[in-house]
Amino acid sequence: MTIAVISMIRDSWGGSETLWYHMAKEALSKGYTVIHLRYETPQIHPKLQELINLGLIAYTRPGWIPENANNVSRFLHLGYNYIRKQVRNPFEQVFHHKPDVVLYN
């Protein structure tokens, strides 16, 4: 079985991540394929790194903007992220694996 988890949080970790973390850890221990798509962040959370070490297939999608960005910098980051999404669609990477279940989180 192949399970895809698509996270919408723009931070490295949140409350709902704790829920799918346990599901993913159990699924990986049973030999299932688990794929995760998240927004890029400056750091990878230790629990996500743990899942990657257990075999999680991790993809990121553009969306990170520095917290201290001024309006001009924010606009430039938004444009740059948009172009990157057009060049390489992160959802295509996930659905290339033909997941049996998709958890949109």
PDB file of N, CA and C in Angstrom:
ATOM      1  N   MET A   1       0.842  -1.181   0.000  1.00  0.00           N
ATOM      2  CA  MET A   1       0.000   0.000   0.000  1.00  0.00           C
ATOM      3  C   MET A   1       0.884   1.240   0.000  1.00  0.00           C
ATOM      4  N   THR A   2       0.439   2.226  -0.715  1.00  0.00           N
ATOM      5  CA  THR A   2       1.145   3.508  -0.779  1.00  0.00           C
ATOM      6  C   THR A   2       0.239   4.591  -0.217  1.00  0.00           C
ATOM      7  N   ILE A   3       0.769   5.327   0.752  1.00  0.00           N
ATOM      8  CA  ILE A   3       0.025   6.381   1.427  1.00  0.00           C
ATOM      9  C   ILE A   3       0.744   7.711   1.177  1.00  0.00           C
ATOM     10  N   ALA A   4      -0.004   8.712   0.756  1.00  0.00           N
ATOM     11  CA  ALA A   4       0.556  10.053   0.573  1.00  0.00           C
ATOM     12  C   ALA A   4      -0.049  10.984   1.612  1.00  0.00           C
ATOM     13  N   VAL A   5       0.807  11.789   2.228  1.00  0.00           N
ATOM     14  CA  VAL A   5       0.373  12.798   3.188  1.00  0.00           C
ATOM     15  C   VAL A   5       0.779  14.150   2.620  1.00  0.00           C
ATOM     16  N   ILE A   6      -0.202  15.024   2.456  1.00  0.00           N
ATOM     17  CA  ILE A   6       0.066  16.365   1.942  1.00  0.00           C
ATOM     18  C   ILE A   6      -0.207  17.346   3.068  1.00  0.00           C
ATOM     19  N   SER A   7       0.854  17.982   3.562  1.00  0.00           N
ATOM     20  CA  SER A   7       0.720  18.924   4.670  1.00  0.00           C
ATOM     21  C   SER A   7       0.566  20.341   4.147  1.00  0.00           C
ATOM     22  N   MET A   8      -0.307  21.078   4.800  1.00  0.00           N
ATOM     23  CA  MET A   8      -0.557  22.466   4.412  1.00  0.00           C
ATOM     24  C   MET A   8       0.107  23.465   5.360  1.00  0.00           C
ATOM     25  N   ILE A   9       0.664  23.001   6.459  1.00  0.00           N
ATOM     26  CA  ILE A   9       1.289  23.891   7.434  1.00  0.00           C
ATOM     27  C   ILE A   9       2.559  24.496   6.832  1.00  0.00           C
ATOM     28  N   ARG A  10       2.787  25.751   7.132  1.00  0.00           N
ATOM     29  CA  ARG A  10       3.981  26.421   6.606  1.00  0.00           C
ATOM     30  C   ARG A  10       5.123  26.440   7.617  1.00  0.00           C
ATOM     31  N   ASP A  11       4.906  25.844   8.784  1.00  0.00           N
ATOM     32  CA  ASP A  11       5.967  25.672   9.778  1.00  0.00           C
ATOM     33  C   ASP A  11       6.524  24.263   9.636  1.00  0.00           C
ATOM     34  N   SER A  12       7.592  23.981  10.366  1.00  0.00           N
ATOM     35  CA  SER A  12       8.193  22.652  10.239  1.00  0.00           C
ATOM     36  C   SER A  12       7.388  21.565  10.946  1.00  0.00           C
ATOM     37  N   TRP A  13       6.532  21.932  11.922  1.00  0.00           N
ATOM     38  CA  TRP A  13       5.768  20.928  12.656  1.00  0.00           C
ATOM     39  C   TRP A  13       4.584  21.591  13.333  1.00  0.00           C
ATOM     40  N   GLY A  14       3.503  20.843  13.476  1.00  0.00           N
ATOM     41  CA  GLY A  14       2.308  21.338  14.152  1.00  0.00           C
ATOM     42  C   GLY A  14       1.550  20.183  14.787  1.00  0.00           C
ATOM     43  N   GLY A  15       0.402  20.487  15.347  1.00  0.00           N
ATOM     44  CA  GLY A  15      -0.378  19.480  16.057  1.00  0.00           C
ATOM     45  C   GLY A  15      -0.834  18.332  15.179  1.00  0.00           C
ATOM     46  N   SER A  16      -1.297  18.632  13.972  1.00  0.00           N
ATOM     47  CA  SER A  16      -1.777  17.557  13.108  1.00  0.00           C
ATOM     48  C   SER A  16      -0.628  16.689  12.597  1.00  0.00           C
ATOM     49  N   GLU A  17       0.569  17.258  12.540  1.00  0.00           N
ATOM     50  CA  GLU A  17       1.731  16.449  12.142  1.00  0.00           C
ATOM     51  C   GLU A  17       1.972  15.325  13.147  1.00  0.00           C
ATOM     52  N   THR A  18       1.709  15.598  14.414  1.00  0.00           N
ATOM     53  CA  THR A  18       1.878  14.560  15.433  1.00  0.00           C
ATOM     54  C   THR A  18       0.964  13.372  15.152  1.00  0.00           C
ATOM     55  N   LEU A  19      -0.241  13.646  14.659  1.00  0.00           N
ATOM     56  CA  LEU A  19      -1.182  12.559  14.366  1.00  0.00           C
ATOM     57  C   LEU A  19      -0.714  11.704  13.187  1.00  0.00           C
ATOM     58  N   TRP A  20      -0.381  12.337  12.065  1.00  0.00           N
ATOM     59  CA  TRP A  20       0.008  11.512  10.919  1.00  0.00           C
ATOM     60  C   TRP A  20       1.403  10.919  11.113  1.00  0.00           C
ATOM     61  N   TYR A  21       2.231  11.527  11.963  1.00  0.00           N
ATOM     62  CA  TYR A  21       3.555  10.973  12.285  1.00  0.00           C
ATOM     63  C   TYR A  21       3.406   9.543  12.815  1.00  0.00           C
ATOM     64  N   HIS A  22       2.493   9.360  13.768  1.00  0.00           N
ATOM     65  CA  HIS A  22       2.303   8.027  14.353  1.00  0.00           C
ATOM     66  C   HIS A  22       1.764   7.041  13.321  1.00  0.00           C
ATOM     67  N   MET A  23       0.844   7.493  12.473  1.00  0.00           N
ATOM     68  CA  MET A  23       0.316   6.639  11.413  1.00  0.00           C
ATOM     69  C   MET A  23       1.437   6.247  10.451  1.00  0.00           C
ATOM     70  N   ALA A  24       2.246   7.230  10.054  1.00  0.00           N
ATOM     71  CA  ALA A  24       3.325   6.972   9.097  1.00  0.00           C
ATOM     72  C   ALA A  24       4.372   6.023   9.682  1.00  0.00           C
ATOM     73  N   LYS A  25       4.699   6.220  10.929  1.00  0.00           N
ATOM     74  CA  LYS A  25       5.693   5.350  11.574  1.00  0.00           C
ATOM     75  C   LYS A  25       5.202   3.901  11.602  1.00  0.00           C
ATOM     76  N   GLU A  26       3.929   3.722  11.927  1.00  0.00           N
ATOM     77  CA  GLU A  26       3.340   2.381  11.946  1.00  0.00           C
ATOM     78  C   GLU A  26       3.302   1.788  10.539  1.00  0.00           C
ATOM     79  N   ALA A  27       2.884   2.596   9.565  1.00  0.00           N
ATOM     80  CA  ALA A  27       2.807   2.111   8.182  1.00  0.00           C
ATOM     81  C   ALA A  27       4.186   1.723   7.654  1.00  0.00           C
ATOM     82  N   LEU A  28       5.183   2.537   7.926  1.00  0.00           N
ATOM     83  CA  LEU A  28       6.546   2.220   7.472  1.00  0.00           C
ATOM     84  C   LEU A  28       7.051   0.933   8.118  1.00  0.00           C
ATOM     85  N   SER A  29       6.708   0.727   9.386  1.00  0.00           N
ATOM     86  CA  SER A  29       7.153  -0.502  10.068  1.00  0.00           C
ATOM     87  C   SER A  29       6.511  -1.748   9.466  1.00  0.00           C
ATOM     88  N   LYS A  30       5.362  -1.572   8.786  1.00  0.00           N
ATOM     89  CA  LYS A  30       4.673  -2.699   8.142  1.00  0.00           C
ATOM     90  C   LYS A  30       5.057  -2.843   6.673  1.00  0.00           C
ATOM     91  N   GLY A  31       5.993  -2.021   6.226  1.00  0.00           N
ATOM     92  CA  GLY A  31       6.464  -2.151   4.857  1.00  0.00           C
ATOM     93  C   GLY A  31       5.696  -1.338   3.833  1.00  0.00           C
ATOM     94  N   TYR A  32       4.790  -0.492   4.275  1.00  0.00           N
ATOM     95  CA  TYR A  32       4.053   0.370   3.349  1.00  0.00           C
ATOM     96  C   TYR A  32       4.956   1.488   2.857  1.00  0.00           C
ATOM     97  N   THR A  33       4.617   2.028   1.709  1.00  0.00           N
ATOM     98  CA  THR A  33       5.301   3.197   1.188  1.00  0.00           C
ATOM     99  C   THR A  33       4.547   4.430   1.667  1.00  0.00           C
ATOM    100  N   VAL A  34       5.262   5.360   2.267  1.00  0.00           N
ATOM    101  CA  VAL A  34       4.644   6.597   2.739  1.00  0.00           C
ATOM    102  C   VAL A  34       5.382   7.766   2.096  1.00  0.00           C
ATOM    103  N   ILE A  35       4.606   8.656   1.496  1.00  0.00           N
ATOM    104  CA  ILE A  35       5.139   9.823   0.803  1.00  0.00           C
ATOM    105  C   ILE A  35       4.610  11.051   1.519  1.00  0.00           C
ATOM    106  N   HIS A  36       5.456  12.042   1.668  1.00  0.00           N
ATOM    107  CA  HIS A  36       5.035  13.276   2.340  1.00  0.00           C
ATOM    108  C   HIS A  36       5.411  14.474   1.481  1.00  0.00           C
ATOM    109  N   LEU A  37       4.449  15.389   1.339  1.00  0.00           N
ATOM    110  CA  LEU A  37       4.684  16.650   0.634  1.00  0.00           C
ATOM    111  C   LEU A  37       4.434  17.780   1.617  1.00  0.00           C
ATOM    112  N   ARG A  38       5.411  18.657   1.764  1.00  0.00           N
ATOM    113  CA  ARG A  38       5.302  19.778   2.691  1.00  0.00           C
ATOM    114  C   ARG A  38       5.856  21.029   2.042  1.00  0.00           C
ATOM    115  N   TYR A  39       5.507  22.160   2.628  1.00  0.00           N
ATOM    116  CA  TYR A  39       6.150  23.400   2.215  1.00  0.00           C
ATOM    117  C   TYR A  39       7.586  23.388   2.720  1.00  0.00           C
ATOM    118  N   GLU A  40       8.480  23.982   1.939  1.00  0.00           N
ATOM    119  CA  GLU A  40       9.861  24.058   2.383  1.00  0.00           C
ATOM    120  C   GLU A  40       9.952  24.960   3.610  1.00  0.00           C
ATOM    121  N   THR A  41      10.828  24.597   4.518  1.00  0.00           N
ATOM    122  CA  THR A  41      11.120  25.378   5.711  1.00  0.00           C
ATOM    123  C   THR A  41      12.630  25.389   5.898  1.00  0.00           C
ATOM    124  N   PRO A  42      13.136  26.354   6.665  1.00  0.00           N
ATOM    125  CA  PRO A  42      14.600  26.407   6.841  1.00  0.00           C
ATOM    126  C   PRO A  42      15.193  25.157   7.499  1.00  0.00           C
ATOM    127  N   GLN A  43      14.420  24.498   8.382  1.00  0.00           N
ATOM    128  CA  GLN A  43      14.915  23.301   9.061  1.00  0.00           C
ATOM    129  C   GLN A  43      13.921  22.158   8.889  1.00  0.00           C
ATOM    130  N   ILE A  44      14.467  20.948   8.932  1.00  0.00           N
ATOM    131  CA  ILE A  44      13.619  19.750   8.949  1.00  0.00           C
ATOM    132  C   ILE A  44      13.404  19.380  10.410  1.00  0.00           C
ATOM    133  N   HIS A  45      12.164  19.203  10.801  1.00  0.00           N
ATOM    134  CA  HIS A  45      11.848  18.841  12.181  1.00  0.00           C
ATOM    135  C   HIS A  45      12.445  17.463  12.483  1.00  0.00           C
ATOM    136  N   PRO A  46      12.945  17.248  13.708  1.00  0.00           N
ATOM    137  CA  PRO A  46      13.554  15.950  14.056  1.00  0.00           C
ATOM    138  C   PRO A  46      12.629  14.750  13.827  1.00  0.00           C
ATOM    139  N   LYS A  47      11.336  14.894  14.070  1.00  0.00           N
ATOM    140  CA  LYS A  47      10.430  13.756  13.860  1.00  0.00           C
ATOM    141  C   LYS A  47      10.264  13.457  12.372  1.00  0.00           C
ATOM    142  N   LEU A  48      10.277  14.489  11.548  1.00  0.00           N
ATOM    143  CA  LEU A  48      10.229  14.258  10.104  1.00  0.00           C
ATOM    144  C   LEU A  48      11.514  13.584   9.646  1.00  0.00           C
ATOM    145  N   GLN A  49      12.642  14.025  10.185  1.00  0.00           N
ATOM    146  CA  GLN A  49      13.919  13.390   9.843  1.00  0.00           C
ATOM    147  C   GLN A  49      13.918  11.926  10.264  1.00  0.00           C
ATOM    148  N   GLU A  50      13.324  11.642  11.418  1.00  0.00           N
ATOM    149  CA  GLU A  50      13.220  10.256  11.877  1.00  0.00           C
ATOM    150  C   GLU A  50      12.441   9.409  10.871  1.00  0.00           C
ATOM    151  N   LEU A  51      11.317   9.949  10.376  1.00  0.00           N
ATOM    152  CA  LEU A  51      10.528   9.213   9.386  1.00  0.00           C
ATOM    153  C   LEU A  51      11.307   9.027   8.084  1.00  0.00           C
ATOM    154  N   ILE A  52      12.044  10.042   7.672  1.00  0.00           N
ATOM    155  CA  ILE A  52      12.875   9.924   6.469  1.00  0.00           C
ATOM    156  C   ILE A  52      13.893   8.798   6.652  1.00  0.00           C
ATOM    157  N   ASN A  53      14.482   8.740   7.832  1.00  0.00           N
ATOM    158  CA  ASN A  53      15.454   7.674   8.124  1.00  0.00           C
ATOM    159  C   ASN A  53      14.798   6.290   8.105  1.00  0.00           C
ATOM    160  N   LEU A  54      13.490   6.242   8.383  1.00  0.00           N
ATOM    161  CA  LEU A  54      12.753   4.970   8.361  1.00  0.00           C
ATOM    162  C   LEU A  54      12.252   4.613   6.959  1.00  0.00           C
ATOM    163  N   GLY A  55      12.415   5.536   5.986  1.00  0.00           N
ATOM    164  CA  GLY A  55      12.026   5.229   4.612  1.00  0.00           C
ATOM    165  C   GLY A  55      10.983   6.143   4.009  1.00  0.00           C
ATOM    166  N   LEU A  56      10.529   7.150   4.750  1.00  0.00           N
ATOM    167  CA  LEU A  56       9.562   8.106   4.213  1.00  0.00           C
ATOM    168  C   LEU A  56      10.146   8.778   2.971  1.00  0.00           C
ATOM    169  N   ILE A  57       9.352   8.874   1.925  1.00  0.00           N
ATOM    170  CA  ILE A  57       9.745   9.605   0.724  1.00  0.00           C
ATOM    171  C   ILE A  57       9.251  11.031   0.908  1.00  0.00           C
ATOM    172  N   ALA A  58      10.164  11.978   1.002  1.00  0.00           N
ATOM    173  CA  ALA A  58       9.810  13.357   1.341  1.00  0.00           C
ATOM    174  C   ALA A  58      10.036  14.287   0.153  1.00  0.00           C
ATOM    175  N   TYR A  59       9.004  15.077  -0.135  1.00  0.00           N
ATOM    176  CA  TYR A  59       9.083  16.105  -1.159  1.00  0.00           C
ATOM    177  C   TYR A  59       8.733  17.451  -0.533  1.00  0.00           C
ATOM    178  N   THR A  60       9.292  18.489  -1.086  1.00  0.00           N
ATOM    179  CA  THR A  60       8.940  19.829  -0.634  1.00  0.00           C
ATOM    180  C   THR A  60       8.378  20.613  -1.801  1.00  0.00           C
ATOM    181  N   ARG A  61       7.607  21.628  -1.437  1.00  0.00           N
ATOM    182  CA  ARG A  61       7.096  22.523  -2.468  1.00  0.00           C
ATOM    183  C   ARG A  61       7.437  23.947  -2.080  1.00  0.00           C
ATOM    184  N   PRO A  62       7.675  24.785  -3.073  1.00  0.00           N
ATOM    185  CA  PRO A  62       8.048  26.163  -2.795  1.00  0.00           C
ATOM    186  C   PRO A  62       6.950  26.885  -2.024  1.00  0.00           C
ATOM    187  N   GLY A  63       7.369  27.777  -1.178  1.00  0.00           N
ATOM    188  CA  GLY A  63       6.403  28.556  -0.427  1.00  0.00           C
ATOM    189  C   GLY A  63       7.027  29.321   0.724  1.00  0.00           C
ATOM    190  N   TRP A  64       8.293  29.026   1.019  1.00  0.00           N
ATOM    191  CA  TRP A  64       8.932  29.663   2.163  1.00  0.00           C
ATOM    192  C   TRP A  64       9.265  31.115   1.852  1.00  0.00           C
ATOM    193  N   ILE A  65       8.903  31.974   2.780  1.00  0.00           N
ATOM    194  CA  ILE A  65       9.240  33.395   2.725  1.00  0.00           C
ATOM    195  C   ILE A  65       9.805  33.759   4.095  1.00  0.00           C
ATOM    196  N   PRO A  66      10.966  34.389   4.153  1.00  0.00           N
ATOM    197  CA  PRO A  66      11.535  34.745   5.459  1.00  0.00           C
ATOM    198  C   PRO A  66      10.568  35.606   6.271  1.00  0.00           C
ATOM    199  N   GLU A  67      10.519  35.360   7.570  1.00  0.00           N
ATOM    200  CA  GLU A  67       9.606  36.096   8.448  1.00  0.00           C
ATOM    201  C   GLU A  67       9.873  37.597   8.436  1.00  0.00           C
ATOM    202  N   ASN A  68      11.121  37.961   8.287  1.00  0.00           N
ATOM    203  CA  ASN A  68      11.485  39.380   8.345  1.00  0.00           C
ATOM    204  C   ASN A  68      11.496  40.048   6.968  1.00  0.00           C
ATOM    205  N   ALA A  69      10.893  39.424   5.975  1.00  0.00           N
ATOM    206  CA  ALA A  69      10.902  39.975   4.609  1.00  0.00           C
ATOM    207  C   ALA A  69      10.045  41.243   4.544  1.00  0.00           C
ATOM    208  N   ASN A  70      10.584  42.258   3.902  1.00  0.00           N
ATOM    209  CA  ASN A  70       9.793  43.469   3.673  1.00  0.00           C
ATOM    210  C   ASN A  70       8.891  43.230   2.464  1.00  0.00           C
ATOM    211  N   ASN A  71       8.080  44.195   2.117  1.00  0.00           N
ATOM    212  CA  ASN A  71       7.107  44.006   1.033  1.00  0.00           C
ATOM    213  C   ASN A  71       7.764  43.666  -0.301  1.00  0.00           C
ATOM    214  N   VAL A  72       8.862  44.316  -0.614  1.00  0.00           N
ATOM    215  CA  VAL A  72       9.551  44.052  -1.885  1.00  0.00           C
ATOM    216  C   VAL A  72      10.127  42.637  -1.878  1.00  0.00           C
ATOM    217  N   SER A  73      10.793  42.282  -0.801  1.00  0.00           N
ATOM    218  CA  SER A  73      11.381  40.940  -0.692  1.00  0.00           C
ATOM    219  C   SER A  73      10.292  39.865  -0.714  1.00  0.00           C
ATOM    220  N   ARG A  74       9.192  40.114  -0.018  1.00  0.00           N
ATOM    221  CA  ARG A  74       8.067  39.167  -0.007  1.00  0.00           C
ATOM    222  C   ARG A  74       7.528  38.966  -1.427  1.00  0.00           C
ATOM    223  N   PHE A  75       7.360  40.053  -2.167  1.00  0.00           N
ATOM    224  CA  PHE A  75       6.870  39.988  -3.544  1.00  0.00           C
ATOM    225  C   PHE A  75       7.827  39.183  -4.423  1.00  0.00           C
ATOM    226  N   LEU A  76       9.128  39.422  -4.274  1.00  0.00           N
ATOM    227  CA  LEU A  76      10.124  38.682  -5.056  1.00  0.00           C
ATOM    228  C   LEU A  76      10.108  37.192  -4.717  1.00  0.00           C
ATOM    229  N   HIS A  77       9.984  36.866  -3.430  1.00  0.00           N
ATOM    230  CA  HIS A  77       9.907  35.460  -3.033  1.00  0.00           C
ATOM    231  C   HIS A  77       8.658  34.792  -3.600  1.00  0.00           C
ATOM    232  N   LEU A  78       7.530  35.507  -3.558  1.00  0.00           N
ATOM    233  CA  LEU A  78       6.296  34.949  -4.110  1.00  0.00           C
ATOM    234  C   LEU A  78       6.455  34.646  -5.605  1.00  0.00           C
ATOM    235  N   GLY A  79       7.052  35.573  -6.344  1.00  0.00           N
ATOM    236  CA  GLY A  79       7.275  35.364  -7.772  1.00  0.00           C
ATOM    237  C   GLY A  79       8.214  34.206  -8.044  1.00  0.00           C
ATOM    238  N   TYR A  80       9.296  34.155  -7.292  1.00  0.00           N
ATOM    239  CA  TYR A  80      10.275  33.082  -7.442  1.00  0.00           C
ATOM    240  C   TYR A  80       9.634  31.721  -7.136  1.00  0.00           C
ATOM    241  N   ASN A  81       8.846  31.660  -6.060  1.00  0.00           N
ATOM    242  CA  ASN A  81       8.173  30.410  -5.699  1.00  0.00           C
ATOM    243  C   ASN A  81       7.176  29.991  -6.772  1.00  0.00           C
ATOM    244  N   TYR A  82       6.462  30.952  -7.335  1.00  0.00           N
ATOM    245  CA  TYR A  82       5.494  30.653  -8.391  1.00  0.00           C
ATOM    246  C   TYR A  82       6.198  30.024  -9.600  1.00  0.00           C
ATOM    247  N   ILE A  83       7.297  30.607 -10.005  1.00  0.00           N
ATOM    248  CA  ILE A  83       8.046  30.085 -11.158  1.00  0.00           C
ATOM    249  C   ILE A  83       8.549  28.675 -10.864  1.00  0.00           C
ATOM    250  N   ARG A  84       9.062  28.453  -9.673  1.00  0.00           N
ATOM    251  CA  ARG A  84       9.553  27.122  -9.309  1.00  0.00           C
ATOM    252  C   ARG A  84       8.430  26.087  -9.344  1.00  0.00           C
ATOM    253  N   LYS A  85       7.221  26.466  -8.927  1.00  0.00           N
ATOM    254  CA  LYS A  85       6.090  25.531  -8.973  1.00  0.00           C
ATOM    255  C   LYS A  85       5.706  25.199 -10.409  1.00  0.00           C
ATOM    256  N   GLN A  86       5.858  26.163 -11.311  1.00  0.00           N
ATOM    257  CA  GLN A  86       5.514  25.932 -12.710  1.00  0.00           C
ATOM    258  C   GLN A  86       6.538  25.028 -13.389  1.00  0.00           C
ATOM    259  N   VAL A  87       7.796  25.168 -13.009  1.00  0.00           N
ATOM    260  CA  VAL A  87       8.863  24.370 -13.611  1.00  0.00           C
ATOM    261  C   VAL A  87       8.796  22.919 -13.140  1.00  0.00           C
ATOM    262  N   ARG A  88       8.534  22.726 -11.867  1.00  0.00           N
ATOM    263  CA  ARG A  88       8.506  21.369 -11.304  1.00  0.00           C
ATOM    264  C   ARG A  88       7.322  21.278 -10.345  1.00  0.00           C
ATOM    265  N   ASN A  89       6.242  20.704 -10.823  1.00  0.00           N
ATOM    266  CA  ASN A  89       5.026  20.592 -10.033  1.00  0.00           C
ATOM    267  C   ASN A  89       5.216  19.531  -8.951  1.00  0.00           C
ATOM    268  N   PRO A  90       5.240  19.943  -7.672  1.00  0.00           N
ATOM    269  CA  PRO A  90       5.476  18.969  -6.606  1.00  0.00           C
ATOM    270  C   PRO A  90       4.370  17.934  -6.467  1.00  0.00           C
ATOM    271  N   PHE A  91       3.148  18.279  -6.866  1.00  0.00           N
ATOM    272  CA  PHE A  91       2.062  17.303  -6.781  1.00  0.00           C
ATOM    273  C   PHE A  91       2.270  16.171  -7.781  1.00  0.00           C
ATOM    274  N   GLU A  92       2.847  16.463  -8.940  1.00  0.00           N
ATOM    275  CA  GLU A  92       3.149  15.405  -9.907  1.00  0.00           C
ATOM    276  C   GLU A  92       4.129  14.395  -9.323  1.00  0.00           C
ATOM    277  N   GLN A  93       5.086  14.888  -8.533  1.00  0.00           N
ATOM    278  CA  GLN A  93       6.042  13.980  -7.910  1.00  0.00           C
ATOM    279  C   GLN A  93       5.323  12.991  -6.997  1.00  0.00           C
ATOM    280  N   VAL A  94       4.391  13.486  -6.209  1.00  0.00           N
ATOM    281  CA  VAL A  94       3.662  12.629  -5.279  1.00  0.00           C
ATOM    282  C   VAL A  94       2.782  11.643  -6.040  1.00  0.00           C
ATOM    283  N   PHE A  95       1.996  12.135  -6.993  1.00  0.00           N
ATOM    284  CA  PHE A  95       1.042  11.268  -7.680  1.00  0.00           C
ATOM    285  C   PHE A  95       1.701  10.344  -8.701  1.00  0.00           C
ATOM    286  N   HIS A  96       2.963  10.559  -8.986  1.00  0.00           N
ATOM    287  CA  HIS A  96       3.729   9.619  -9.807  1.00  0.00           C
ATOM    288  C   HIS A  96       3.783   8.249  -9.119  1.00  0.00           C
ATOM    289  N   HIS A  97       3.744   8.250  -7.795  1.00  0.00           N
ATOM    290  CA  HIS A  97       3.795   7.008  -7.017  1.00  0.00           C
ATOM    291  C   HIS A  97       2.452   6.277  -6.984  1.00  0.00           C
ATOM    292  N   LYS A  98       1.397   6.890  -7.532  1.00  0.00           N
ATOM    293  CA  LYS A  98       0.055   6.304  -7.552  1.00  0.00           C
ATOM    294  C   LYS A  98      -0.397   5.851  -6.158  1.00  0.00           C
ATOM    295  N   PRO A  99      -0.516   6.806  -5.230  1.00  0.00           N
ATOM    296  CA  PRO A  99      -0.906   6.417  -3.876  1.00  0.00           C
ATOM    297  C   PRO A  99      -2.307   5.808  -3.819  1.00  0.00           C
ATOM    298  N   ASP A 100      -2.462   4.845  -2.914  1.00  0.00           N
ATOM    299  CA  ASP A 100      -3.759   4.229  -2.670  1.00  0.00           C
ATOM    300  C   ASP A 100      -4.633   5.124  -1.795  1.00  0.00           C
ATOM    301  N   VAL A 101      -3.987   5.853  -0.894  1.00  0.00           N
ATOM    302  CA  VAL A 101      -4.671   6.727   0.051  1.00  0.00           C
ATOM    303  C   VAL A 101      -3.941   8.067   0.061  1.00  0.00           C
ATOM    304  N   VAL A 102      -4.719   9.162   0.074  1.00  0.00           N
ATOM    305  CA  VAL A 102      -4.144  10.497   0.186  1.00  0.00           C
ATOM    306  C   VAL A 102      -4.747  11.162   1.414  1.00  0.00           C
ATOM    307  N   LEU A 103      -3.883  11.576   2.328  1.00  0.00           N
ATOM    308  CA  LEU A 103      -4.315  12.328   3.499  1.00  0.00           C
ATOM    309  C   LEU A 103      -3.922  13.779   3.270  1.00  0.00           C
ATOM    310  N   TYR A 104      -4.920  14.624   3.051  1.00  0.00           N
ATOM    311  CA  TYR A 104      -4.697  16.045   2.814  1.00  0.00           C
ATOM    312  C   TYR A 104      -4.848  16.733   4.151  1.00  0.00           C
ATOM    313  N   ASN A 105      -3.739  17.168   4.694  1.00  0.00           N
ATOM    314  CA  ASN A 105      -3.685  17.627   6.071  1.00  0.00           C
ATOM    315  C   ASN A 105      -3.473  19.116   6.116  1.00  0.00           C
TER     316      ASN A 105
END
